[in-house]
Amino acid sequence: MATLIRDLKTASVTQLVLEAQAGQRDAFGELFERFQQNVQALALRRLGDWNEAQELCQEVFLQAMQKIQQLREPECFAAWLRAITNRMVINRAVRRGPESLAEPETLDAACAEDDTPLTIILTAERQAEVRAGLDQLRDLDRRTLQAFYVDGRSLLEMSDQFDAPLGTIKRRLHTARKRLAKQMESLVAV
């Protein structure tokens, strides 16, 4: 038996395939030894998961062992094995679907607060700057911006409140925003 193993170690892939097709299990075992790393590397590259690649590698060789009789050209064993691997990787990827580590509801329930101490401080500073900018505006500009952005009034409601046409309210809002932006620039520059 020792000489058979030594012969298998030095045999060509074509000879091993012919022996495996004749029912020699040791010959197929040698093919496994020679090609296992290639199949596993291909599966790992395509699947991205080591455990899944190992499992798929075993399935590929099981499939190859069962179908070895169908291989008409023994010298093409490597390409045939690669084709089996690619097909099985695609089948597995399609079956498993998109990867999701957790249900969205679980993630929503477990999310930490978005506000950090730094964002709270920066938000407070920005609000103070906006208030200071608003204080520097004319009364009509300030009331227009406050009605729209703070009170949440629609343009139509503002038209009624200020007793002005809709086009005038739009123009006032546009002008007031520009003036506030200019005020904010001068406050930040100081």
C-alpha atoms as a PDB file:
ATOM      1  CA  MET A   1       0.000   0.000   0.000  1.00  0.00           C
ATOM      2  CA  ALA A   2       2.899   2.373   0.721  1.00  0.00           C
ATOM      3  CA  THR A   3       4.147   2.114  -2.864  1.00  0.00           C
ATOM      4  CA  LEU A   4       0.647   2.946  -4.163  1.00  0.00           C
ATOM      5  CA  ILE A   5       0.570   6.168  -2.105  1.00  0.00           C
ATOM      6  CA  ARG A   6       4.063   7.075  -3.322  1.00  0.00           C
ATOM      7  CA  ASP A   7       2.955   6.459  -6.909  1.00  0.00           C
ATOM      8  CA  LEU A   8      -0.141   8.597  -6.396  1.00  0.00           C
ATOM      9  CA  LYS A   9       1.996  11.429  -5.046  1.00  0.00           C
ATOM     10  CA  THR A  10       4.080  11.494  -8.214  1.00  0.00           C
ATOM     11  CA  ALA A  11       1.258  10.718 -10.664  1.00  0.00           C
ATOM     12  CA  SER A  12      -0.038  13.343 -13.060  1.00  0.00           C
ATOM     13  CA  VAL A  13      -3.503  14.834 -12.650  1.00  0.00           C
ATOM     14  CA  THR A  14      -4.654  12.955 -15.748  1.00  0.00           C
ATOM     15  CA  GLN A  15      -3.475   9.629 -14.281  1.00  0.00           C
ATOM     16  CA  LEU A  16      -5.190  10.402 -10.966  1.00  0.00           C
ATOM     17  CA  VAL A  17      -8.472  11.244 -12.708  1.00  0.00           C
ATOM     18  CA  LEU A  18      -8.359   8.011 -14.708  1.00  0.00           C
ATOM     19  CA  GLU A  19      -7.689   6.040 -11.492  1.00  0.00           C
ATOM     20  CA  ALA A  20     -10.520   7.869  -9.701  1.00  0.00           C
ATOM     21  CA  GLN A  21     -12.860   7.105 -12.597  1.00  0.00           C
ATOM     22  CA  ALA A  22     -11.882   3.440 -12.235  1.00  0.00           C
ATOM     23  CA  GLY A  23     -13.061   3.564  -8.608  1.00  0.00           C
ATOM     24  CA  GLN A  24      -9.710   4.163  -6.876  1.00  0.00           C
ATOM     25  CA  ARG A  25     -10.676   6.294  -3.842  1.00  0.00           C
ATOM     26  CA  ASP A  26      -7.071   7.009  -2.920  1.00  0.00           C
ATOM     27  CA  ALA A  27      -6.571   8.630  -6.334  1.00  0.00           C
ATOM     28  CA  PHE A  28      -9.504  10.953  -5.696  1.00  0.00           C
ATOM     29  CA  GLY A  29      -8.072  11.655  -2.225  1.00  0.00           C
ATOM     30  CA  GLU A  30      -4.837  12.782  -3.870  1.00  0.00           C
ATOM     31  CA  LEU A  31      -6.811  15.045  -6.232  1.00  0.00           C
ATOM     32  CA  PHE A  32      -8.483  16.527  -3.155  1.00  0.00           C
ATOM     33  CA  GLU A  33      -5.095  17.162  -1.538  1.00  0.00           C
ATOM     34  CA  ARG A  34      -3.764  18.889  -4.645  1.00  0.00           C
ATOM     35  CA  PHE A  35      -6.781  21.087  -5.390  1.00  0.00           C
ATOM     36  CA  GLN A  36      -8.369  21.774  -2.004  1.00  0.00           C
ATOM     37  CA  GLN A  37      -6.546  25.064  -1.419  1.00  0.00           C
ATOM     38  CA  ASN A  38      -7.395  26.363  -4.892  1.00  0.00           C
ATOM     39  CA  VAL A  39     -11.087  25.580  -4.491  1.00  0.00           C
ATOM     40  CA  GLN A  40     -11.170  27.043  -1.003  1.00  0.00           C
ATOM     41  CA  ALA A  41      -9.369  30.228  -2.119  1.00  0.00           C
ATOM     42  CA  LEU A  42     -11.797  30.715  -5.006  1.00  0.00           C
ATOM     43  CA  ALA A  43     -14.783  30.172  -2.714  1.00  0.00           C
ATOM     44  CA  LEU A  44     -13.365  32.521  -0.088  1.00  0.00           C
ATOM     45  CA  ARG A  45     -12.722  35.239  -2.656  1.00  0.00           C
ATOM     46  CA  ARG A  46     -16.275  35.009  -3.969  1.00  0.00           C
ATOM     47  CA  LEU A  47     -18.130  34.437  -0.667  1.00  0.00           C
ATOM     48  CA  GLY A  48     -16.004  36.467   1.730  1.00  0.00           C
ATOM     49  CA  ASP A  49     -16.535  34.071   4.637  1.00  0.00           C
ATOM     50  CA  TRP A  50     -13.910  31.511   5.694  1.00  0.00           C
ATOM     51  CA  ASN A  51     -16.332  29.025   7.269  1.00  0.00           C
ATOM     52  CA  GLU A  52     -18.694  29.168   4.329  1.00  0.00           C
ATOM     53  CA  ALA A  53     -15.764  28.694   1.928  1.00  0.00           C
ATOM     54  CA  GLN A  54     -14.643  25.556   3.811  1.00  0.00           C
ATOM     55  CA  GLU A  55     -18.155  24.156   3.734  1.00  0.00           C
ATOM     56  CA  LEU A  56     -18.521  24.897   0.038  1.00  0.00           C
ATOM     57  CA  CYS A  57     -15.129  23.296  -0.671  1.00  0.00           C
ATOM     58  CA  GLN A  58     -16.362  20.036   0.850  1.00  0.00           C
ATOM     59  CA  GLU A  59     -19.563  20.215  -1.192  1.00  0.00           C
ATOM     60  CA  VAL A  60     -17.589  20.853  -4.386  1.00  0.00           C
ATOM     61  CA  PHE A  61     -15.406  17.774  -3.875  1.00  0.00           C
ATOM     62  CA  LEU A  62     -18.415  15.659  -2.952  1.00  0.00           C
ATOM     63  CA  GLN A  63     -20.076  16.780  -6.198  1.00  0.00           C
ATOM     64  CA  ALA A  64     -16.859  16.125  -8.138  1.00  0.00           C
ATOM     65  CA  MET A  65     -16.534  12.640  -6.661  1.00  0.00           C
ATOM     66  CA  GLN A  66     -20.117  11.805  -7.608  1.00  0.00           C
ATOM     67  CA  LYS A  67     -19.747  13.204 -11.162  1.00  0.00           C
ATOM     68  CA  ILE A  68     -16.136  12.181 -11.947  1.00  0.00           C
ATOM     69  CA  GLN A  69     -17.433   9.626 -14.461  1.00  0.00           C
ATOM     70  CA  GLN A  70     -18.901  12.479 -16.536  1.00  0.00           C
ATOM     71  CA  LEU A  71     -15.508  14.114 -17.087  1.00  0.00           C
ATOM     72  CA  ARG A  72     -14.587  13.140 -20.655  1.00  0.00           C
ATOM     73  CA  GLU A  73     -11.190  14.824 -20.788  1.00  0.00           C
ATOM     74  CA  PRO A  74      -9.197  13.964 -17.646  1.00  0.00           C
ATOM     75  CA  GLU A  75      -6.545  16.579 -18.444  1.00  0.00           C
ATOM     76  CA  CYS A  76      -9.234  19.278 -17.974  1.00  0.00           C
ATOM     77  CA  PHE A  77      -9.880  18.311 -14.341  1.00  0.00           C
ATOM     78  CA  ALA A  78      -8.716  21.687 -12.929  1.00  0.00           C
ATOM     79  CA  ALA A  79     -11.008  23.708 -15.222  1.00  0.00           C
ATOM     80  CA  TRP A  80     -13.897  21.299 -14.586  1.00  0.00           C
ATOM     81  CA  LEU A  81     -13.421  21.641 -10.817  1.00  0.00           C
ATOM     82  CA  ARG A  82     -13.249  25.452 -11.109  1.00  0.00           C
ATOM     83  CA  ALA A  83     -16.508  25.444 -13.093  1.00  0.00           C
ATOM     84  CA  ILE A  84     -18.215  23.344 -10.404  1.00  0.00           C
ATOM     85  CA  THR A  85     -16.914  25.728  -7.739  1.00  0.00           C
ATOM     86  CA  ASN A  86     -18.123  28.832  -9.573  1.00  0.00           C
ATOM     87  CA  ARG A  87     -21.562  27.355 -10.159  1.00  0.00           C
ATOM     88  CA  MET A  88     -21.928  26.301  -6.524  1.00  0.00           C
ATOM     89  CA  VAL A  89     -20.717  29.702  -5.265  1.00  0.00           C
ATOM     90  CA  ILE A  90     -23.321  31.443  -7.407  1.00  0.00           C
ATOM     91  CA  ASN A  91     -26.056  29.069  -6.230  1.00  0.00           C
ATOM     92  CA  ARG A  92     -25.105  29.636  -2.606  1.00  0.00           C
ATOM     93  CA  ALA A  93     -24.955  33.416  -2.982  1.00  0.00           C
ATOM     94  CA  VAL A  94     -28.390  33.466  -4.637  1.00  0.00           C
ATOM     95  CA  ARG A  95     -29.900  31.203  -1.974  1.00  0.00           C
ATOM     96  CA  ARG A  96     -28.600  33.206   0.968  1.00  0.00           C
ATOM     97  CA  GLY A  97     -29.832  36.539  -0.392  1.00  0.00           C
ATOM     98  CA  PRO A  98     -28.614  39.909   0.818  1.00  0.00           C
ATOM     99  CA  GLU A  99     -26.594  39.881   3.976  1.00  0.00           C
ATOM    100  CA  SER A 100     -28.351  41.362   6.992  1.00  0.00           C
ATOM    101  CA  LEU A 101     -26.855  41.130  10.428  1.00  0.00           C
ATOM    102  CA  ALA A 102     -30.045  42.122  12.225  1.00  0.00           C
ATOM    103  CA  GLU A 103     -33.599  43.121  11.545  1.00  0.00           C
ATOM    104  CA  PRO A 104     -34.057  46.890  11.039  1.00  0.00           C
ATOM    105  CA  GLU A 105     -36.467  47.027  13.986  1.00  0.00           C
ATOM    106  CA  THR A 106     -33.796  45.526  16.238  1.00  0.00           C
ATOM    107  CA  LEU A 107     -31.262  48.073  15.068  1.00  0.00           C
ATOM    108  CA  ASP A 108     -33.686  50.957  15.611  1.00  0.00           C
ATOM    109  CA  ALA A 109     -34.382  49.805  19.163  1.00  0.00           C
ATOM    110  CA  ALA A 110     -30.687  49.417  19.956  1.00  0.00           C
ATOM    111  CA  CYS A 111     -29.396  52.664  18.442  1.00  0.00           C
ATOM    112  CA  ALA A 112     -27.549  54.958  20.745  1.00  0.00           C
ATOM    113  CA  GLU A 113     -28.323  58.636  20.870  1.00  0.00           C
ATOM    114  CA  ASP A 114     -27.119  60.612  17.904  1.00  0.00           C
ATOM    115  CA  ASP A 115     -26.329  63.629  20.037  1.00  0.00           C
ATOM    116  CA  THR A 116     -22.902  63.650  21.555  1.00  0.00           C
ATOM    117  CA  PRO A 117     -21.754  66.330  23.998  1.00  0.00           C
ATOM    118  CA  LEU A 118     -19.843  67.969  21.151  1.00  0.00           C
ATOM    119  CA  THR A 119     -22.852  68.100  18.805  1.00  0.00           C
ATOM    120  CA  ILE A 120     -25.013  69.487  21.618  1.00  0.00           C
ATOM    121  CA  ILE A 121     -22.484  72.288  22.266  1.00  0.00           C
ATOM    122  CA  LEU A 122     -22.080  73.057  18.556  1.00  0.00           C
ATOM    123  CA  THR A 123     -25.854  73.143  18.053  1.00  0.00           C
ATOM    124  CA  ALA A 124     -26.299  75.492  21.010  1.00  0.00           C
ATOM    125  CA  GLU A 125     -23.572  77.790  19.684  1.00  0.00           C
ATOM    126  CA  ARG A 126     -25.138  77.821  16.219  1.00  0.00           C
ATOM    127  CA  GLN A 127     -28.570  78.624  17.696  1.00  0.00           C
ATOM    128  CA  ALA A 128     -27.060  81.512  19.678  1.00  0.00           C
ATOM    129  CA  GLU A 129     -25.413  82.833  16.506  1.00  0.00           C
ATOM    130  CA  VAL A 130     -28.719  82.644  14.605  1.00  0.00           C
ATOM    131  CA  ARG A 131     -30.548  84.444  17.457  1.00  0.00           C
ATOM    132  CA  ALA A 132     -27.877  87.154  17.483  1.00  0.00           C
ATOM    133  CA  GLY A 133     -28.200  87.499  13.699  1.00  0.00           C
ATOM    134  CA  LEU A 134     -31.988  87.726  13.945  1.00  0.00           C
ATOM    135  CA  ASP A 135     -31.707  90.429  16.607  1.00  0.00           C
ATOM    136  CA  GLN A 136     -29.689  92.559  14.170  1.00  0.00           C
ATOM    137  CA  LEU A 137     -32.354  92.359  11.421  1.00  0.00           C
ATOM    138  CA  ARG A 138     -35.179  94.808  10.838  1.00  0.00           C
ATOM    139  CA  ASP A 139     -38.456  93.916  12.530  1.00  0.00           C
ATOM    140  CA  LEU A 140     -40.246  92.856   9.326  1.00  0.00           C
ATOM    141  CA  ASP A 141     -37.375  90.541   8.265  1.00  0.00           C
ATOM    142  CA  ARG A 142     -37.190  88.989  11.734  1.00  0.00           C
ATOM    143  CA  ARG A 143     -40.972  88.422  11.942  1.00  0.00           C
ATOM    144  CA  THR A 144     -41.010  86.923   8.411  1.00  0.00           C
ATOM    145  CA  LEU A 145     -38.244  84.425   9.190  1.00  0.00           C
ATOM    146  CA  GLN A 146     -39.719  83.587  12.578  1.00  0.00           C
ATOM    147  CA  ALA A 147     -43.187  82.957  11.135  1.00  0.00           C
ATOM    148  CA  PHE A 148     -41.833  80.603   8.470  1.00  0.00           C
ATOM    149  CA  TYR A 149     -38.987  78.782  10.259  1.00  0.00           C
ATOM    150  CA  VAL A 150     -39.875  78.930  13.950  1.00  0.00           C
ATOM    151  CA  ASP A 151     -43.667  78.979  13.904  1.00  0.00           C
ATOM    152  CA  GLY A 152     -43.889  76.709  10.855  1.00  0.00           C
ATOM    153  CA  ARG A 153     -46.440  78.807   8.994  1.00  0.00           C
ATOM    154  CA  SER A 154     -47.089  78.188   5.311  1.00  0.00           C
ATOM    155  CA  LEU A 155     -46.686  80.928   2.743  1.00  0.00           C
ATOM    156  CA  LEU A 156     -50.471  81.266   2.477  1.00  0.00           C
ATOM    157  CA  GLU A 157     -50.821  81.636   6.255  1.00  0.00           C
ATOM    158  CA  MET A 158     -48.079  84.254   6.232  1.00  0.00           C
ATOM    159  CA  SER A 159     -49.871  86.063   3.402  1.00  0.00           C
ATOM    160  CA  ASP A 160     -52.957  86.330   5.625  1.00  0.00           C
ATOM    161  CA  GLN A 161     -50.936  87.224   8.753  1.00  0.00           C
ATOM    162  CA  PHE A 162     -48.976  90.020   7.047  1.00  0.00           C
ATOM    163  CA  ASP A 163     -51.896  91.044   4.804  1.00  0.00           C
ATOM    164  CA  ALA A 164     -49.676  90.874   1.750  1.00  0.00           C
ATOM    165  CA  PRO A 165     -49.804  89.010  -1.582  1.00  0.00           C
ATOM    166  CA  LEU A 166     -48.122  85.628  -1.848  1.00  0.00           C
ATOM    167  CA  GLY A 167     -45.442  86.923  -4.226  1.00  0.00           C
ATOM    168  CA  THR A 168     -44.536  89.656  -1.721  1.00  0.00           C
ATOM    169  CA  ILE A 169     -44.193  87.076   1.074  1.00  0.00           C
ATOM    170  CA  LYS A 170     -41.893  84.957  -1.095  1.00  0.00           C
ATOM    171  CA  ARG A 171     -39.764  88.003  -1.903  1.00  0.00           C
ATOM    172  CA  ARG A 172     -39.636  89.082   1.750  1.00  0.00           C
ATOM    173  CA  LEU A 173     -38.617  85.597   2.830  1.00  0.00           C
ATOM    174  CA  HIS A 174     -35.892  85.452   0.177  1.00  0.00           C
ATOM    175  CA  THR A 175     -34.580  88.901   1.092  1.00  0.00           C
ATOM    176  CA  ALA A 176     -34.713  88.194   4.839  1.00  0.00           C
ATOM    177  CA  ARG A 177     -32.706  84.970   4.368  1.00  0.00           C
ATOM    178  CA  LYS A 178     -30.039  86.845   2.434  1.00  0.00           C
ATOM    179  CA  ARG A 179     -29.833  89.542   5.098  1.00  0.00           C
ATOM    180  CA  LEU A 180     -29.593  86.931   7.859  1.00  0.00           C
ATOM    181  CA  ALA A 181     -26.814  85.128   5.981  1.00  0.00           C
ATOM    182  CA  LYS A 182     -24.909  88.420   5.676  1.00  0.00           C
ATOM    183  CA  GLN A 183     -25.403  89.081   9.401  1.00  0.00           C
ATOM    184  CA  MET A 184     -24.184  85.563  10.228  1.00  0.00           C
ATOM    185  CA  GLU A 185     -21.033  86.099   8.128  1.00  0.00           C
ATOM    186  CA  SER A 186     -20.248  89.326   9.953  1.00  0.00           C
ATOM    187  CA  LEU A 187     -20.851  87.671  13.353  1.00  0.00           C
ATOM    188  CA  VAL A 188     -18.601  84.712  12.546  1.00  0.00           C
ATOM    189  CA  ALA A 189     -15.874  87.002  11.147  1.00  0.00           C
ATOM    190  CA  VAL A 190     -15.713  88.885  14.454  1.00  0.00           C
END
